[in-house]
Amino acid sequence: MSSEAAIIRHSTPRRGTHVLETSNELPLSVQSVFDFFANAENLERITPPELAFRILTPTPIDIREGVLIDYRLRLFGVPFGWRTRISLWEPPVRFVDEQLRGPYRSWVHTHTFEAAGESTLMTDRVAYSLPGHPVTHIVLPLVRHQLDRIFRYRARVIREILRPAPP
């Protein structure tokens, strides 16, 4: 896999639940990449500016299983709050954040980090469902497009931030 582009896949394994998976290879150790994600303040750095993402929970946040994090952002121009809970915390291998309050009916985001030679393969798997199930088929393409944009931006910025210093 090239370290220059994230791979994004969509699927619908269960009626009403959709899955977005991205993979991104980064030229750093698993521990270095995990440490970047263990700092919640980095979320603002890797979120597209048009989403006006802000962490409301006082920082620094001691990330661990059970921690709640509140955010404020805009999606399609509409401001809203989002609360997540870290439901699994296994440094430096993986962690899971789940939406408790936000725009989705459900959102479970699994982050995994595995060694790939001298690099790290970082994978995001988001299982989500939309509110208003009868209109899901209408808004789903728009949501998928927006998620693609967000995760492509995220992959690009992460590669820029985590680029190893020249020797």
N, C-alpha and C. Protein backbone atom coordinates (compact mmCIF):
# COMPACT_ATOMS: atom_id res chain seq x y z
N MET A 1 0.84 -1.18 0.00
CA MET A 1 0.00 0.00 0.00
C MET A 1 0.88 1.23 0.00
N SER A 2 0.55 2.20 -0.77
CA SER A 2 1.30 3.43 -0.84
C SER A 2 1.05 4.28 0.39
N SER A 3 2.09 4.94 0.88
CA SER A 3 1.90 5.84 2.01
C SER A 3 1.33 7.18 1.54
N GLU A 4 1.08 7.32 0.25
CA GLU A 4 0.58 8.57 -0.29
C GLU A 4 -0.94 8.67 -0.34
N ALA A 5 -1.66 7.58 -0.15
CA ALA A 5 -3.11 7.65 -0.27
C ALA A 5 -3.79 6.68 0.67
N ALA A 6 -4.89 7.14 1.24
CA ALA A 6 -5.70 6.26 2.06
C ALA A 6 -6.62 5.47 1.15
N ILE A 7 -6.92 4.26 1.55
CA ILE A 7 -7.87 3.42 0.84
C ILE A 7 -9.19 3.53 1.60
N ILE A 8 -10.28 3.86 0.91
CA ILE A 8 -11.58 4.00 1.55
C ILE A 8 -12.55 3.01 0.92
N ARG A 9 -13.24 2.24 1.78
CA ARG A 9 -14.24 1.28 1.31
C ARG A 9 -15.54 1.50 2.07
N HIS A 10 -16.66 1.30 1.37
CA HIS A 10 -17.98 1.37 2.00
C HIS A 10 -18.66 0.02 1.83
N SER A 11 -19.45 -0.35 2.83
CA SER A 11 -20.27 -1.56 2.71
C SER A 11 -21.50 -1.40 3.60
N THR A 12 -22.45 -2.26 3.39
CA THR A 12 -23.66 -2.29 4.20
C THR A 12 -23.89 -3.75 4.59
N PRO A 13 -23.20 -4.21 5.65
CA PRO A 13 -23.30 -5.62 6.03
C PRO A 13 -24.65 -6.00 6.63
N ARG A 14 -25.33 -5.03 7.23
CA ARG A 14 -26.64 -5.26 7.85
C ARG A 14 -27.57 -4.15 7.43
N ARG A 15 -28.80 -4.48 7.22
CA ARG A 15 -29.80 -3.47 6.86
C ARG A 15 -29.78 -2.33 7.88
N GLY A 16 -29.60 -1.12 7.40
CA GLY A 16 -29.60 0.05 8.27
C GLY A 16 -28.26 0.40 8.87
N THR A 17 -27.30 -0.51 8.83
CA THR A 17 -25.96 -0.23 9.34
C THR A 17 -25.01 -0.18 8.16
N HIS A 18 -24.21 0.87 8.11
CA HIS A 18 -23.26 1.08 7.03
C HIS A 18 -21.86 1.09 7.63
N VAL A 19 -20.87 0.72 6.83
CA VAL A 19 -19.50 0.66 7.31
C VAL A 19 -18.58 1.42 6.36
N LEU A 20 -17.75 2.25 6.94
CA LEU A 20 -16.69 2.94 6.21
C LEU A 20 -15.39 2.39 6.78
N GLU A 21 -14.50 1.95 5.89
CA GLU A 21 -13.18 1.48 6.33
C GLU A 21 -12.11 2.24 5.55
N THR A 22 -11.12 2.71 6.27
CA THR A 22 -9.98 3.36 5.62
C THR A 22 -8.71 2.72 6.17
N SER A 23 -7.70 2.68 5.32
CA SER A 23 -6.38 2.20 5.72
C SER A 23 -5.36 3.20 5.23
N ASN A 24 -4.38 3.44 6.06
CA ASN A 24 -3.36 4.43 5.74
C ASN A 24 -2.05 3.94 6.33
N GLU A 25 -1.03 3.82 5.50
CA GLU A 25 0.28 3.39 5.98
C GLU A 25 1.13 4.61 6.29
N LEU A 26 1.68 4.62 7.49
CA LEU A 26 2.48 5.77 7.94
C LEU A 26 3.89 5.30 8.28
N PRO A 27 4.90 6.07 7.89
CA PRO A 27 6.29 5.63 8.06
C PRO A 27 6.85 5.85 9.47
N LEU A 28 6.09 5.45 10.47
CA LEU A 28 6.50 5.59 11.86
C LEU A 28 6.14 4.33 12.63
N SER A 29 6.64 4.22 13.84
CA SER A 29 6.33 3.06 14.69
C SER A 29 4.88 3.10 15.14
N VAL A 30 4.38 1.92 15.50
CA VAL A 30 3.02 1.82 16.02
C VAL A 30 2.86 2.73 17.24
N GLN A 31 3.83 2.70 18.14
CA GLN A 31 3.74 3.52 19.36
C GLN A 31 3.65 5.00 19.02
N SER A 32 4.45 5.47 18.07
CA SER A 32 4.42 6.89 17.69
C SER A 32 3.07 7.30 17.13
N VAL A 33 2.51 6.46 16.27
CA VAL A 33 1.22 6.78 15.66
C VAL A 33 0.12 6.73 16.72
N PHE A 34 0.15 5.71 17.58
CA PHE A 34 -0.86 5.60 18.63
C PHE A 34 -0.78 6.80 19.57
N ASP A 35 0.43 7.21 19.94
CA ASP A 35 0.60 8.35 20.83
C ASP A 35 -0.04 9.61 20.26
N PHE A 36 0.05 9.79 18.94
CA PHE A 36 -0.58 10.94 18.30
C PHE A 36 -2.09 10.91 18.54
N PHE A 37 -2.70 9.74 18.38
CA PHE A 37 -4.15 9.61 18.54
C PHE A 37 -4.58 9.60 20.01
N ALA A 38 -3.67 9.31 20.92
CA ALA A 38 -3.98 9.32 22.34
C ALA A 38 -4.13 10.74 22.87
N ASN A 39 -3.75 11.72 22.07
CA ASN A 39 -3.91 13.13 22.43
C ASN A 39 -5.17 13.64 21.73
N ALA A 40 -6.26 13.78 22.49
CA ALA A 40 -7.55 14.17 21.91
C ALA A 40 -7.48 15.53 21.19
N GLU A 41 -6.59 16.40 21.62
CA GLU A 41 -6.48 17.72 20.99
C GLU A 41 -6.07 17.61 19.52
N ASN A 42 -5.46 16.51 19.12
CA ASN A 42 -5.08 16.34 17.72
C ASN A 42 -6.31 16.16 16.81
N LEU A 43 -7.46 15.82 17.38
CA LEU A 43 -8.68 15.71 16.57
C LEU A 43 -8.99 17.01 15.83
N GLU A 44 -8.79 18.14 16.49
CA GLU A 44 -9.03 19.43 15.84
C GLU A 44 -8.09 19.63 14.67
N ARG A 45 -6.87 19.15 14.80
CA ARG A 45 -5.86 19.33 13.74
C ARG A 45 -6.17 18.50 12.51
N ILE A 46 -6.86 17.36 12.67
CA ILE A 46 -7.07 16.45 11.54
C ILE A 46 -8.50 16.48 11.00
N THR A 47 -9.29 17.45 11.46
CA THR A 47 -10.67 17.59 10.99
C THR A 47 -10.75 18.77 10.04
N PRO A 48 -11.42 18.62 8.90
CA PRO A 48 -11.51 19.72 7.94
C PRO A 48 -12.03 21.01 8.59
N PRO A 49 -11.43 22.15 8.25
CA PRO A 49 -11.81 23.42 8.89
C PRO A 49 -13.29 23.79 8.72
N GLU A 50 -13.89 23.40 7.60
CA GLU A 50 -15.29 23.77 7.37
C GLU A 50 -16.24 23.12 8.37
N LEU A 51 -15.76 22.11 9.11
CA LEU A 51 -16.61 21.48 10.13
C LEU A 51 -16.58 22.25 11.45
N ALA A 52 -15.70 23.25 11.56
CA ALA A 52 -15.61 24.10 12.76
C ALA A 52 -15.59 23.24 14.04
N PHE A 53 -14.78 22.20 14.02
CA PHE A 53 -14.69 21.23 15.12
C PHE A 53 -14.00 21.85 16.32
N ARG A 54 -14.64 21.73 17.49
CA ARG A 54 -14.05 22.19 18.75
C ARG A 54 -14.30 21.16 19.84
N ILE A 55 -13.30 20.89 20.65
CA ILE A 55 -13.47 20.04 21.81
C ILE A 55 -13.99 20.91 22.94
N LEU A 56 -15.08 20.50 23.57
CA LEU A 56 -15.66 21.25 24.69
C LEU A 56 -15.16 20.74 26.04
N THR A 57 -14.80 19.47 26.11
CA THR A 57 -14.27 18.89 27.34
C THR A 57 -12.94 19.57 27.67
N PRO A 58 -12.74 19.98 28.92
CA PRO A 58 -11.46 20.62 29.27
C PRO A 58 -10.27 19.71 28.94
N THR A 59 -9.25 20.32 28.36
CA THR A 59 -8.04 19.60 27.99
C THR A 59 -6.92 19.96 28.97
N PRO A 60 -5.92 19.11 29.11
CA PRO A 60 -5.73 17.84 28.42
C PRO A 60 -6.69 16.77 28.96
N ILE A 61 -7.04 15.85 28.09
CA ILE A 61 -7.94 14.76 28.44
C ILE A 61 -7.12 13.50 28.63
N ASP A 62 -7.30 12.86 29.76
CA ASP A 62 -6.63 11.59 30.05
C ASP A 62 -7.45 10.49 29.38
N ILE A 63 -7.06 10.13 28.15
CA ILE A 63 -7.83 9.15 27.39
C ILE A 63 -7.64 7.77 28.02
N ARG A 64 -8.76 7.12 28.27
CA ARG A 64 -8.79 5.76 28.80
C ARG A 64 -10.20 5.24 28.61
N GLU A 65 -10.40 3.96 28.85
CA GLU A 65 -11.73 3.38 28.69
C GLU A 65 -12.72 4.07 29.62
N GLY A 66 -13.88 4.41 29.06
CA GLY A 66 -14.95 5.06 29.83
C GLY A 66 -14.96 6.57 29.77
N VAL A 67 -13.90 7.19 29.27
CA VAL A 67 -13.83 8.65 29.21
C VAL A 67 -14.88 9.18 28.23
N LEU A 68 -15.53 10.29 28.64
CA LEU A 68 -16.51 10.97 27.79
C LEU A 68 -15.86 12.23 27.24
N ILE A 69 -16.09 12.49 25.93
CA ILE A 69 -15.53 13.68 25.29
C ILE A 69 -16.67 14.38 24.55
N ASP A 70 -16.82 15.67 24.82
CA ASP A 70 -17.84 16.48 24.15
C ASP A 70 -17.19 17.38 23.12
N TYR A 71 -17.86 17.49 21.96
CA TYR A 71 -17.39 18.32 20.85
C TYR A 71 -18.52 19.22 20.39
N ARG A 72 -18.17 20.18 19.58
CA ARG A 72 -19.13 21.00 18.86
C ARG A 72 -18.60 21.09 17.44
N LEU A 73 -19.46 20.89 16.45
CA LEU A 73 -19.07 21.01 15.06
C LEU A 73 -20.27 21.34 14.19
N ARG A 74 -20.00 21.55 12.91
CA ARG A 74 -21.04 21.84 11.94
C ARG A 74 -20.99 20.77 10.86
N LEU A 75 -22.15 20.27 10.50
CA LEU A 75 -22.26 19.30 9.42
C LEU A 75 -23.31 19.82 8.46
N PHE A 76 -22.92 20.00 7.21
CA PHE A 76 -23.80 20.62 6.21
C PHE A 76 -24.30 21.98 6.70
N GLY A 77 -23.44 22.71 7.44
CA GLY A 77 -23.77 24.04 7.92
C GLY A 77 -24.60 24.07 9.18
N VAL A 78 -25.01 22.93 9.69
CA VAL A 78 -25.86 22.87 10.89
C VAL A 78 -24.99 22.57 12.11
N PRO A 79 -25.00 23.49 13.12
CA PRO A 79 -24.19 23.23 14.32
C PRO A 79 -24.87 22.21 15.23
N PHE A 80 -24.06 21.38 15.88
CA PHE A 80 -24.60 20.41 16.82
C PHE A 80 -23.52 19.95 17.78
N GLY A 81 -23.96 19.36 18.87
CA GLY A 81 -23.04 18.76 19.83
C GLY A 81 -22.86 17.28 19.53
N TRP A 82 -21.74 16.76 19.96
CA TRP A 82 -21.43 15.35 19.78
C TRP A 82 -20.74 14.89 21.06
N ARG A 83 -21.19 13.79 21.61
CA ARG A 83 -20.54 13.21 22.79
C ARG A 83 -20.12 11.79 22.44
N THR A 84 -18.86 11.48 22.75
CA THR A 84 -18.38 10.12 22.55
C THR A 84 -17.88 9.55 23.87
N ARG A 85 -17.89 8.24 23.91
CA ARG A 85 -17.31 7.51 25.04
C ARG A 85 -16.23 6.61 24.47
N ILE A 86 -15.09 6.58 25.11
CA ILE A 86 -14.05 5.62 24.74
C ILE A 86 -14.49 4.29 25.35
N SER A 87 -14.95 3.38 24.50
CA SER A 87 -15.51 2.12 25.01
C SER A 87 -14.48 0.99 25.06
N LEU A 88 -13.35 1.19 24.39
CA LEU A 88 -12.26 0.22 24.43
C LEU A 88 -10.95 0.98 24.30
N TRP A 89 -9.99 0.66 25.13
CA TRP A 89 -8.69 1.34 25.12
C TRP A 89 -7.60 0.30 25.34
N GLU A 90 -6.90 -0.07 24.25
CA GLU A 90 -5.85 -1.09 24.30
C GLU A 90 -4.58 -0.55 23.65
N PRO A 91 -3.85 0.35 24.36
CA PRO A 91 -2.63 0.90 23.78
C PRO A 91 -1.59 -0.16 23.53
N PRO A 92 -0.81 -0.10 22.50
CA PRO A 92 -0.91 0.79 21.34
C PRO A 92 -1.60 0.10 20.15
N VAL A 93 -2.49 -0.83 20.42
CA VAL A 93 -3.06 -1.66 19.36
C VAL A 93 -4.35 -1.10 18.79
N ARG A 94 -5.27 -0.68 19.67
CA ARG A 94 -6.55 -0.18 19.17
C ARG A 94 -7.31 0.56 20.26
N PHE A 95 -8.31 1.34 19.78
CA PHE A 95 -9.28 1.93 20.68
C PHE A 95 -10.57 2.15 19.91
N VAL A 96 -11.66 2.27 20.65
CA VAL A 96 -12.98 2.45 20.05
C VAL A 96 -13.65 3.63 20.71
N ASP A 97 -14.20 4.53 19.87
CA ASP A 97 -15.06 5.58 20.41
C ASP A 97 -16.46 5.38 19.85
N GLU A 98 -17.46 5.59 20.72
CA GLU A 98 -18.86 5.42 20.34
C GLU A 98 -19.61 6.72 20.58
N GLN A 99 -20.41 7.11 19.61
CA GLN A 99 -21.24 8.29 19.77
C GLN A 99 -22.36 7.99 20.76
N LEU A 100 -22.47 8.85 21.78
CA LEU A 100 -23.59 8.76 22.71
C LEU A 100 -24.67 9.77 22.34
N ARG A 101 -24.23 10.90 21.78
CA ARG A 101 -25.15 11.95 21.32
C ARG A 101 -24.53 12.59 20.09
N GLY A 102 -25.30 12.75 19.03
CA GLY A 102 -24.78 13.37 17.81
C GLY A 102 -25.72 13.15 16.65
N PRO A 103 -25.22 13.34 15.44
CA PRO A 103 -26.10 13.33 14.26
C PRO A 103 -26.49 11.95 13.75
N TYR A 104 -25.82 10.91 14.21
CA TYR A 104 -26.10 9.57 13.72
C TYR A 104 -26.97 8.82 14.73
N ARG A 105 -27.73 7.86 14.24
CA ARG A 105 -28.47 7.00 15.16
C ARG A 105 -27.46 6.18 15.96
N SER A 106 -26.41 5.70 15.28
CA SER A 106 -25.30 5.03 15.96
C SER A 106 -24.02 5.30 15.18
N TRP A 107 -22.91 5.30 15.90
CA TRP A 107 -21.58 5.54 15.33
C TRP A 107 -20.58 4.85 16.23
N VAL A 108 -19.90 3.84 15.73
CA VAL A 108 -18.87 3.12 16.47
C VAL A 108 -17.62 3.14 15.61
N HIS A 109 -16.60 3.83 16.10
CA HIS A 109 -15.37 4.07 15.33
C HIS A 109 -14.22 3.30 15.99
N THR A 110 -13.74 2.27 15.29
CA THR A 110 -12.63 1.45 15.76
C THR A 110 -11.36 1.88 15.05
N HIS A 111 -10.34 2.21 15.83
CA HIS A 111 -9.03 2.62 15.31
C HIS A 111 -8.06 1.48 15.63
N THR A 112 -7.39 0.94 14.61
CA THR A 112 -6.39 -0.10 14.87
C THR A 112 -5.04 0.32 14.29
N PHE A 113 -3.99 -0.16 14.94
CA PHE A 113 -2.62 0.19 14.57
C PHE A 113 -1.81 -1.10 14.57
N GLU A 114 -1.21 -1.42 13.41
CA GLU A 114 -0.40 -2.63 13.36
C GLU A 114 0.88 -2.37 12.58
N ALA A 115 1.92 -3.07 13.00
CA ALA A 115 3.22 -2.92 12.35
C ALA A 115 3.14 -3.46 10.93
N ALA A 116 3.76 -2.71 10.01
CA ALA A 116 3.87 -3.12 8.61
C ALA A 116 5.32 -2.85 8.21
N GLY A 117 6.21 -3.78 8.58
CA GLY A 117 7.64 -3.53 8.38
C GLY A 117 8.07 -2.44 9.35
N GLU A 118 8.67 -1.38 8.82
CA GLU A 118 9.08 -0.26 9.67
C GLU A 118 8.03 0.83 9.72
N SER A 119 6.87 0.56 9.16
CA SER A 119 5.75 1.51 9.14
C SER A 119 4.61 0.99 10.01
N THR A 120 3.55 1.78 10.05
CA THR A 120 2.34 1.40 10.77
C THR A 120 1.16 1.45 9.83
N LEU A 121 0.37 0.41 9.83
CA LEU A 121 -0.88 0.41 9.08
C LEU A 121 -1.96 0.82 10.07
N MET A 122 -2.53 1.99 9.80
CA MET A 122 -3.59 2.53 10.64
C MET A 122 -4.90 2.29 9.91
N THR A 123 -5.85 1.66 10.58
CA THR A 123 -7.15 1.38 9.97
C THR A 123 -8.25 1.98 10.82
N ASP A 124 -9.16 2.66 10.15
CA ASP A 124 -10.37 3.17 10.79
C ASP A 124 -11.53 2.36 10.26
N ARG A 125 -12.38 1.90 11.16
CA ARG A 125 -13.62 1.22 10.76
C ARG A 125 -14.75 1.89 11.50
N VAL A 126 -15.65 2.51 10.75
CA VAL A 126 -16.78 3.20 11.33
C VAL A 126 -18.05 2.46 10.93
N ALA A 127 -18.76 1.92 11.92
CA ALA A 127 -20.07 1.32 11.68
C ALA A 127 -21.09 2.35 12.14
N TYR A 128 -21.96 2.78 11.24
CA TYR A 128 -22.90 3.85 11.57
C TYR A 128 -24.27 3.55 10.97
N SER A 129 -25.27 4.15 11.57
CA SER A 129 -26.62 4.14 11.00
C SER A 129 -27.18 5.54 11.10
N LEU A 130 -28.04 5.85 10.18
CA LEU A 130 -28.60 7.19 10.07
C LEU A 130 -29.98 7.26 10.73
N PRO A 131 -30.32 8.43 11.26
CA PRO A 131 -31.68 8.59 11.79
C PRO A 131 -32.66 8.71 10.62
N GLY A 132 -33.94 8.58 10.91
CA GLY A 132 -34.93 8.75 9.85
C GLY A 132 -34.83 7.68 8.79
N HIS A 133 -34.84 6.43 9.20
CA HIS A 133 -34.59 5.31 8.29
C HIS A 133 -35.35 5.37 6.96
N PRO A 134 -36.61 5.84 6.90
CA PRO A 134 -37.30 5.86 5.60
C PRO A 134 -36.61 6.72 4.54
N VAL A 135 -35.84 7.74 4.95
CA VAL A 135 -35.18 8.60 3.96
C VAL A 135 -33.69 8.29 3.82
N THR A 136 -33.23 7.26 4.48
CA THR A 136 -31.81 6.90 4.43
C THR A 136 -31.32 6.75 3.00
N HIS A 137 -32.09 6.11 2.15
CA HIS A 137 -31.65 5.88 0.77
C HIS A 137 -31.45 7.18 0.02
N ILE A 138 -32.10 8.25 0.45
CA ILE A 138 -31.95 9.55 -0.20
C ILE A 138 -30.69 10.26 0.29
N VAL A 139 -30.45 10.25 1.61
CA VAL A 139 -29.32 11.00 2.16
C VAL A 139 -28.02 10.19 2.23
N LEU A 140 -28.11 8.86 2.13
CA LEU A 140 -26.90 8.04 2.25
C LEU A 140 -25.80 8.43 1.27
N PRO A 141 -26.09 8.65 -0.02
CA PRO A 141 -24.99 9.04 -0.92
C PRO A 141 -24.32 10.35 -0.50
N LEU A 142 -25.09 11.29 0.01
CA LEU A 142 -24.53 12.56 0.48
C LEU A 142 -23.66 12.33 1.72
N VAL A 143 -24.13 11.52 2.63
CA VAL A 143 -23.36 11.21 3.85
C VAL A 143 -22.07 10.49 3.48
N ARG A 144 -22.15 9.51 2.59
CA ARG A 144 -20.92 8.79 2.17
C ARG A 144 -19.92 9.74 1.52
N HIS A 145 -20.42 10.63 0.68
CA HIS A 145 -19.54 11.61 0.02
C HIS A 145 -18.85 12.48 1.08
N GLN A 146 -19.62 12.96 2.05
CA GLN A 146 -19.05 13.81 3.10
C GLN A 146 -18.04 13.04 3.94
N LEU A 147 -18.35 11.79 4.29
CA LEU A 147 -17.41 10.99 5.06
C LEU A 147 -16.13 10.73 4.27
N ASP A 148 -16.25 10.47 2.96
CA ASP A 148 -15.06 10.31 2.12
C ASP A 148 -14.19 11.56 2.18
N ARG A 149 -14.82 12.73 2.04
CA ARG A 149 -14.06 13.99 2.08
C ARG A 149 -13.35 14.15 3.43
N ILE A 150 -14.08 13.88 4.50
CA ILE A 150 -13.50 14.04 5.84
C ILE A 150 -12.33 13.08 6.04
N PHE A 151 -12.50 11.81 5.67
CA PHE A 151 -11.44 10.83 5.91
C PHE A 151 -10.27 10.99 4.94
N ARG A 152 -10.49 11.48 3.74
CA ARG A 152 -9.37 11.79 2.84
C ARG A 152 -8.56 12.98 3.38
N TYR A 153 -9.26 14.00 3.84
CA TYR A 153 -8.59 15.15 4.44
C TYR A 153 -7.77 14.68 5.65
N ARG A 154 -8.40 13.91 6.49
CA ARG A 154 -7.76 13.39 7.69
C ARG A 154 -6.49 12.61 7.35
N ALA A 155 -6.57 11.72 6.35
CA ALA A 155 -5.41 10.92 5.96
C ALA A 155 -4.27 11.81 5.47
N ARG A 156 -4.61 12.80 4.66
CA ARG A 156 -3.59 13.70 4.12
C ARG A 156 -2.90 14.49 5.23
N VAL A 157 -3.70 15.04 6.14
CA VAL A 157 -3.14 15.86 7.22
C VAL A 157 -2.32 15.01 8.19
N ILE A 158 -2.80 13.81 8.49
CA ILE A 158 -2.04 12.92 9.37
C ILE A 158 -0.68 12.61 8.75
N ARG A 159 -0.65 12.33 7.44
CA ARG A 159 0.64 12.05 6.78
C ARG A 159 1.56 13.26 6.85
N GLU A 160 0.99 14.47 6.70
CA GLU A 160 1.82 15.68 6.78
C GLU A 160 2.37 15.88 8.19
N ILE A 161 1.52 15.74 9.19
CA ILE A 161 1.93 15.95 10.57
C ILE A 161 2.93 14.90 11.03
N LEU A 162 2.68 13.64 10.66
CA LEU A 162 3.52 12.54 11.15
C LEU A 162 4.67 12.20 10.20
N ARG A 163 4.94 13.05 9.24
CA ARG A 163 6.07 12.82 8.32
C ARG A 163 7.35 12.83 9.15
N PRO A 164 8.16 11.79 9.02
CA PRO A 164 9.41 11.75 9.79
C PRO A 164 10.34 12.89 9.37
N ALA A 165 11.09 13.36 10.34
CA ALA A 165 12.06 14.43 10.05
C ALA A 165 13.14 13.87 9.13
N PRO A 166 13.64 14.71 8.20
CA PRO A 166 14.72 14.23 7.32
C PRO A 166 15.97 13.96 8.15
N PRO A 167 16.77 12.96 7.68
CA PRO A 167 17.99 12.60 8.44
C PRO A 167 19.00 13.72 8.47
